[in-house]
Amino acid sequence: MNDQLKWAKSSYSDSEGGNCVEIALADPVHIRDSKSTHPGPELQVSPASWSAFVTAVRPGA
């Protein structure tokens, strides 16, 4: 895991501590559960794959 990454929590994550996802936009894009960060599992995908995912799940897509 890279300590240099700037992590951002999903705007859809609730304030009760559940369903929290964080991403770090880099190459590759890093995705993790905000409740399990140090050290914790992390998914890495290409920027193109992340863009395709966001496009597919965007409302109205």
PDB file of N, CA and C in Angstrom:
ATOM      1  N   MET A   1       0.853  -1.174   0.000  1.00  0.00           N
ATOM      2  CA  MET A   1       0.000   0.000   0.000  1.00  0.00           C
ATOM      3  C   MET A   1       0.892   1.229   0.000  1.00  0.00           C
ATOM      4  N   ASN A   2       0.468   2.265  -0.692  1.00  0.00           N
ATOM      5  CA  ASN A   2       1.251   3.468  -0.839  1.00  0.00           C
ATOM      6  C   ASN A   2       0.729   4.556   0.095  1.00  0.00           C
ATOM      7  N   ASP A   3       1.576   5.019   1.025  1.00  0.00           N
ATOM      8  CA  ASP A   3       1.174   6.066   1.965  1.00  0.00           C
ATOM      9  C   ASP A   3       1.097   7.433   1.298  1.00  0.00           C
ATOM     10  N   GLN A   4       1.559   7.552   0.068  1.00  0.00           N
ATOM     11  CA  GLN A   4       1.545   8.808  -0.668  1.00  0.00           C
ATOM     12  C   GLN A   4       0.196   9.075  -1.339  1.00  0.00           C
ATOM     13  N   LEU A   5      -0.673   8.099  -1.366  1.00  0.00           N
ATOM     14  CA  LEU A   5      -1.949   8.245  -2.063  1.00  0.00           C
ATOM     15  C   LEU A   5      -2.887   9.176  -1.308  1.00  0.00           C
ATOM     16  N   LYS A   6      -3.677   9.929  -2.045  1.00  0.00           N
ATOM     17  CA  LYS A   6      -4.700  10.792  -1.445  1.00  0.00           C
ATOM     18  C   LYS A   6      -6.039  10.073  -1.590  1.00  0.00           C
ATOM     19  N   TRP A   7      -6.561   9.606  -0.469  1.00  0.00           N
ATOM     20  CA  TRP A   7      -7.799   8.833  -0.459  1.00  0.00           C
ATOM     21  C   TRP A   7      -9.007   9.746  -0.299  1.00  0.00           C
ATOM     22  N   ALA A   8     -10.103   9.389  -0.979  1.00  0.00           N
ATOM     23  CA  ALA A   8     -11.360  10.135  -0.877  1.00  0.00           C
ATOM     24  C   ALA A   8     -12.486   9.139  -0.643  1.00  0.00           C
ATOM     25  N   LYS A   9     -13.364   9.447   0.316  1.00  0.00           N
ATOM     26  CA  LYS A   9     -14.494   8.569   0.618  1.00  0.00           C
ATOM     27  C   LYS A   9     -15.626   8.845  -0.364  1.00  0.00           C
ATOM     28  N   SER A  10     -16.322   7.797  -0.752  1.00  0.00           N
ATOM     29  CA  SER A  10     -17.463   7.923  -1.645  1.00  0.00           C
ATOM     30  C   SER A  10     -18.513   8.853  -1.056  1.00  0.00           C
ATOM     31  N   SER A  11     -19.104   9.675  -1.897  1.00  0.00           N
ATOM     32  CA  SER A  11     -20.175  10.574  -1.430  1.00  0.00           C
ATOM     33  C   SER A  11     -21.425   9.782  -1.057  1.00  0.00           C
ATOM     34  N   TYR A  12     -21.495   8.523  -1.455  1.00  0.00           N
ATOM     35  CA  TYR A  12     -22.635   7.670  -1.111  1.00  0.00           C
ATOM     36  C   TYR A  12     -22.423   6.896   0.188  1.00  0.00           C
ATOM     37  N   SER A  13     -21.237   6.988   0.775  1.00  0.00           N
ATOM     38  CA  SER A  13     -20.974   6.317   2.046  1.00  0.00           C
ATOM     39  C   SER A  13     -21.764   7.010   3.142  1.00  0.00           C
ATOM     40  N   ASP A  14     -22.306   6.222   4.048  1.00  0.00           N
ATOM     41  CA  ASP A  14     -23.102   6.839   5.118  1.00  0.00           C
ATOM     42  C   ASP A  14     -22.220   7.229   6.290  1.00  0.00           C
ATOM     43  N   SER A  15     -22.746   8.042   7.184  1.00  0.00           N
ATOM     44  CA  SER A  15     -21.987   8.506   8.340  1.00  0.00           C
ATOM     45  C   SER A  15     -22.071   7.546   9.518  1.00  0.00           C
ATOM     46  N   GLU A  16     -22.762   6.433   9.364  1.00  0.00           N
ATOM     47  CA  GLU A  16     -22.937   5.448  10.432  1.00  0.00           C
ATOM     48  C   GLU A  16     -21.826   4.403  10.446  1.00  0.00           C
ATOM     49  N   GLY A  17     -20.883   4.476   9.501  1.00  0.00           N
ATOM     50  CA  GLY A  17     -19.769   3.535   9.476  1.00  0.00           C
ATOM     51  C   GLY A  17     -19.995   2.323   8.604  1.00  0.00           C
ATOM     52  N   GLY A  18     -21.066   2.286   7.853  1.00  0.00           N
ATOM     53  CA  GLY A  18     -21.326   1.155   6.973  1.00  0.00           C
ATOM     54  C   GLY A  18     -21.205   1.529   5.512  1.00  0.00           C
ATOM     55  N   ASN A  19     -20.983   0.545   4.672  1.00  0.00           N
ATOM     56  CA  ASN A  19     -20.946   0.734   3.230  1.00  0.00           C
ATOM     57  C   ASN A  19     -20.000   1.841   2.800  1.00  0.00           C
ATOM     58  N   CYS A  20     -18.794   1.849   3.340  1.00  0.00           N
ATOM     59  CA  CYS A  20     -17.838   2.917   3.049  1.00  0.00           C
ATOM     60  C   CYS A  20     -16.775   2.442   2.072  1.00  0.00           C
ATOM     61  N   VAL A  21     -16.642   3.185   1.002  1.00  0.00           N
ATOM     62  CA  VAL A  21     -15.628   2.899  -0.006  1.00  0.00           C
ATOM     63  C   VAL A  21     -14.781   4.147  -0.181  1.00  0.00           C
ATOM     64  N   GLU A  22     -13.469   3.943  -0.296  1.00  0.00           N
ATOM     65  CA  GLU A  22     -12.557   5.039  -0.575  1.00  0.00           C
ATOM     66  C   GLU A  22     -11.783   4.717  -1.850  1.00  0.00           C
ATOM     67  N   ILE A  23     -11.442   5.768  -2.589  1.00  0.00           N
ATOM     68  CA  ILE A  23     -10.628   5.580  -3.784  1.00  0.00           C
ATOM     69  C   ILE A  23      -9.457   6.554  -3.756  1.00  0.00           C
ATOM     70  N   ALA A  24      -8.408   6.175  -4.426  1.00  0.00           N
ATOM     71  CA  ALA A  24      -7.259   7.048  -4.661  1.00  0.00           C
ATOM     72  C   ALA A  24      -7.039   7.036  -6.169  1.00  0.00           C
ATOM     73  N   LEU A  25      -7.271   8.193  -6.784  1.00  0.00           N
ATOM     74  CA  LEU A  25      -7.115   8.286  -8.233  1.00  0.00           C
ATOM     75  C   LEU A  25      -5.641   8.401  -8.574  1.00  0.00           C
ATOM     76  N   ALA A  26      -5.115   7.329  -9.096  1.00  0.00           N
ATOM     77  CA  ALA A  26      -3.711   7.232  -9.494  1.00  0.00           C
ATOM     78  C   ALA A  26      -3.673   6.236 -10.652  1.00  0.00           C
ATOM     79  N   ASP A  27      -2.514   5.816 -11.052  1.00  0.00           N
ATOM     80  CA  ASP A  27      -2.402   4.775 -12.071  1.00  0.00           C
ATOM     81  C   ASP A  27      -1.557   3.658 -11.485  1.00  0.00           C
ATOM     82  N   PRO A  28      -2.193   2.593 -11.006  1.00  0.00           N
ATOM     83  CA  PRO A  28      -3.616   2.248 -11.101  1.00  0.00           C
ATOM     84  C   PRO A  28      -4.465   2.986 -10.061  1.00  0.00           C
ATOM     85  N   VAL A  29      -5.785   2.940 -10.267  1.00  0.00           N
ATOM     86  CA  VAL A  29      -6.745   3.470  -9.304  1.00  0.00           C
ATOM     87  C   VAL A  29      -6.833   2.473  -8.153  1.00  0.00           C
ATOM     88  N   HIS A  30      -6.782   2.963  -6.921  1.00  0.00           N
ATOM     89  CA  HIS A  30      -6.825   2.117  -5.731  1.00  0.00           C
ATOM     90  C   HIS A  30      -8.203   2.253  -5.080  1.00  0.00           C
ATOM     91  N   ILE A  31      -8.771   1.129  -4.656  1.00  0.00           N
ATOM     92  CA  ILE A  31     -10.102   1.100  -4.044  1.00  0.00           C
ATOM     93  C   ILE A  31      -9.995   0.267  -2.772  1.00  0.00           C
ATOM     94  N   ARG A  32     -10.596   0.783  -1.672  1.00  0.00           N
ATOM     95  CA  ARG A  32     -10.525   0.041  -0.413  1.00  0.00           C
ATOM     96  C   ARG A  32     -11.777   0.307   0.429  1.00  0.00           C
ATOM     97  N   ASP A  33     -11.962  -0.535   1.419  1.00  0.00           N
ATOM     98  CA  ASP A  33     -13.006  -0.370   2.423  1.00  0.00           C
ATOM     99  C   ASP A  33     -12.472   0.600   3.459  1.00  0.00           C
ATOM    100  N   SER A  34     -13.175   1.693   3.708  1.00  0.00           N
ATOM    101  CA  SER A  34     -12.659   2.710   4.627  1.00  0.00           C
ATOM    102  C   SER A  34     -12.589   2.230   6.074  1.00  0.00           C
ATOM    103  N   LYS A  35     -13.227   1.108   6.386  1.00  0.00           N
ATOM    104  CA  LYS A  35     -13.175   0.572   7.751  1.00  0.00           C
ATOM    105  C   LYS A  35     -11.969  -0.334   7.951  1.00  0.00           C
ATOM    106  N   SER A  36     -11.239  -0.637   6.889  1.00  0.00           N
ATOM    107  CA  SER A  36     -10.104  -1.558   6.961  1.00  0.00           C
ATOM    108  C   SER A  36      -8.961  -0.981   6.134  1.00  0.00           C
ATOM    109  N   THR A  37      -8.274   0.030   6.694  1.00  0.00           N
ATOM    110  CA  THR A  37      -7.319   0.765   5.881  1.00  0.00           C
ATOM    111  C   THR A  37      -5.847   0.471   6.152  1.00  0.00           C
ATOM    112  N   HIS A  38      -5.446   0.204   7.389  1.00  0.00           N
ATOM    113  CA  HIS A  38      -4.015   0.100   7.710  1.00  0.00           C
ATOM    114  C   HIS A  38      -3.666  -1.169   8.436  1.00  0.00           C
ATOM    115  N   PRO A  39      -3.016  -2.136   7.922  1.00  0.00           N
ATOM    116  CA  PRO A  39      -3.043  -2.416   6.491  1.00  0.00           C
ATOM    117  C   PRO A  39      -4.347  -3.113   6.174  1.00  0.00           C
ATOM    118  N   GLY A  40      -4.793  -2.958   5.008  1.00  0.00           N
ATOM    119  CA  GLY A  40      -6.047  -3.582   4.627  1.00  0.00           C
ATOM    120  C   GLY A  40      -6.026  -3.950   3.160  1.00  0.00           C
ATOM    121  N   PRO A  41      -6.938  -4.795   2.758  1.00  0.00           N
ATOM    122  CA  PRO A  41      -6.985  -5.194   1.354  1.00  0.00           C
ATOM    123  C   PRO A  41      -7.352  -4.002   0.478  1.00  0.00           C
ATOM    124  N   GLU A  42      -6.903  -4.063  -0.724  1.00  0.00           N
ATOM    125  CA  GLU A  42      -7.071  -2.971  -1.666  1.00  0.00           C
ATOM    126  C   GLU A  42      -7.227  -3.566  -3.061  1.00  0.00           C
ATOM    127  N   LEU A  43      -8.137  -3.034  -3.816  1.00  0.00           N
ATOM    128  CA  LEU A  43      -8.329  -3.437  -5.207  1.00  0.00           C
ATOM    129  C   LEU A  43      -7.680  -2.381  -6.078  1.00  0.00           C
ATOM    130  N   GLN A  44      -6.970  -2.803  -7.119  1.00  0.00           N
ATOM    131  CA  GLN A  44      -6.353  -1.857  -8.040  1.00  0.00           C
ATOM    132  C   GLN A  44      -6.845  -2.153  -9.442  1.00  0.00           C
ATOM    133  N   VAL A  45      -7.285  -1.104 -10.135  1.00  0.00           N
ATOM    134  CA  VAL A  45      -7.779  -1.240 -11.505  1.00  0.00           C
ATOM    135  C   VAL A  45      -7.170  -0.131 -12.364  1.00  0.00           C
ATOM    136  N   SER A  46      -7.167  -0.341 -13.655  1.00  0.00           N
ATOM    137  CA  SER A  46      -6.633   0.675 -14.559  1.00  0.00           C
ATOM    138  C   SER A  46      -7.565   1.887 -14.583  1.00  0.00           C
ATOM    139  N   PRO A  47      -7.030   3.054 -14.908  1.00  0.00           N
ATOM    140  CA  PRO A  47      -7.893   4.230 -15.032  1.00  0.00           C
ATOM    141  C   PRO A  47      -9.022   4.020 -16.053  1.00  0.00           C
ATOM    142  N   ALA A  48      -8.753   3.321 -17.135  1.00  0.00           N
ATOM    143  CA  ALA A  48      -9.795   3.052 -18.136  1.00  0.00           C
ATOM    144  C   ALA A  48     -10.902   2.166 -17.555  1.00  0.00           C
ATOM    145  N   SER A  49     -10.525   1.172 -16.761  1.00  0.00           N
ATOM    146  CA  SER A  49     -11.528   0.303 -16.133  1.00  0.00           C
ATOM    147  C   SER A  49     -12.355   1.080 -15.119  1.00  0.00           C
ATOM    148  N   TRP A  50     -11.714   1.954 -14.345  1.00  0.00           N
ATOM    149  CA  TRP A  50     -12.445   2.771 -13.367  1.00  0.00           C
ATOM    150  C   TRP A  50     -13.436   3.690 -14.078  1.00  0.00           C
ATOM    151  N   SER A  51     -12.995   4.314 -15.150  1.00  0.00           N
ATOM    152  CA  SER A  51     -13.861   5.201 -15.919  1.00  0.00           C
ATOM    153  C   SER A  51     -15.067   4.444 -16.479  1.00  0.00           C
ATOM    154  N   ALA A  52     -14.841   3.253 -16.990  1.00  0.00           N
ATOM    155  CA  ALA A  52     -15.929   2.433 -17.524  1.00  0.00           C
ATOM    156  C   ALA A  52     -16.903   2.053 -16.411  1.00  0.00           C
ATOM    157  N   PHE A  53     -16.395   1.709 -15.233  1.00  0.00           N
ATOM    158  CA  PHE A  53     -17.253   1.361 -14.102  1.00  0.00           C
ATOM    159  C   PHE A  53     -18.120   2.557 -13.694  1.00  0.00           C
ATOM    160  N   VAL A  54     -17.493   3.722 -13.517  1.00  0.00           N
ATOM    161  CA  VAL A  54     -18.230   4.910 -13.107  1.00  0.00           C
ATOM    162  C   VAL A  54     -19.304   5.261 -14.138  1.00  0.00           C
ATOM    163  N   THR A  55     -18.974   5.161 -15.410  1.00  0.00           N
ATOM    164  CA  THR A  55     -19.943   5.434 -16.471  1.00  0.00           C
ATOM    165  C   THR A  55     -21.123   4.454 -16.399  1.00  0.00           C
ATOM    166  N   ALA A  56     -20.828   3.187 -16.144  1.00  0.00           N
ATOM    167  CA  ALA A  56     -21.869   2.156 -16.111  1.00  0.00           C
ATOM    168  C   ALA A  56     -22.819   2.310 -14.926  1.00  0.00           C
ATOM    169  N   VAL A  57     -22.327   2.797 -13.800  1.00  0.00           N
ATOM    170  CA  VAL A  57     -23.179   2.888 -12.618  1.00  0.00           C
ATOM    171  C   VAL A  57     -23.770   4.281 -12.393  1.00  0.00           C
ATOM    172  N   ARG A  58     -23.363   5.227 -13.203  1.00  0.00           N
ATOM    173  CA  ARG A  58     -23.874   6.590 -13.075  1.00  0.00           C
ATOM    174  C   ARG A  58     -25.384   6.578 -13.367  1.00  0.00           C
ATOM    175  N   PRO A  59     -26.173   7.245 -12.530  1.00  0.00           N
ATOM    176  CA  PRO A  59     -27.624   7.310 -12.780  1.00  0.00           C
ATOM    177  C   PRO A  59     -27.912   7.875 -14.162  1.00  0.00           C
ATOM    178  N   GLY A  60     -28.835   7.234 -14.841  1.00  0.00           N
ATOM    179  CA  GLY A  60     -29.215   7.664 -16.175  1.00  0.00           C
ATOM    180  C   GLY A  60     -28.349   7.103 -17.284  1.00  0.00           C
ATOM    181  N   ALA A  61     -27.358   6.264 -16.896  1.00  0.00           N
ATOM    182  CA  ALA A  61     -26.451   5.696 -17.916  1.00  0.00           C
ATOM    183  C   ALA A  61     -27.123   4.563 -18.643  1.00  0.00           C
TER     184      ALA A  61
END
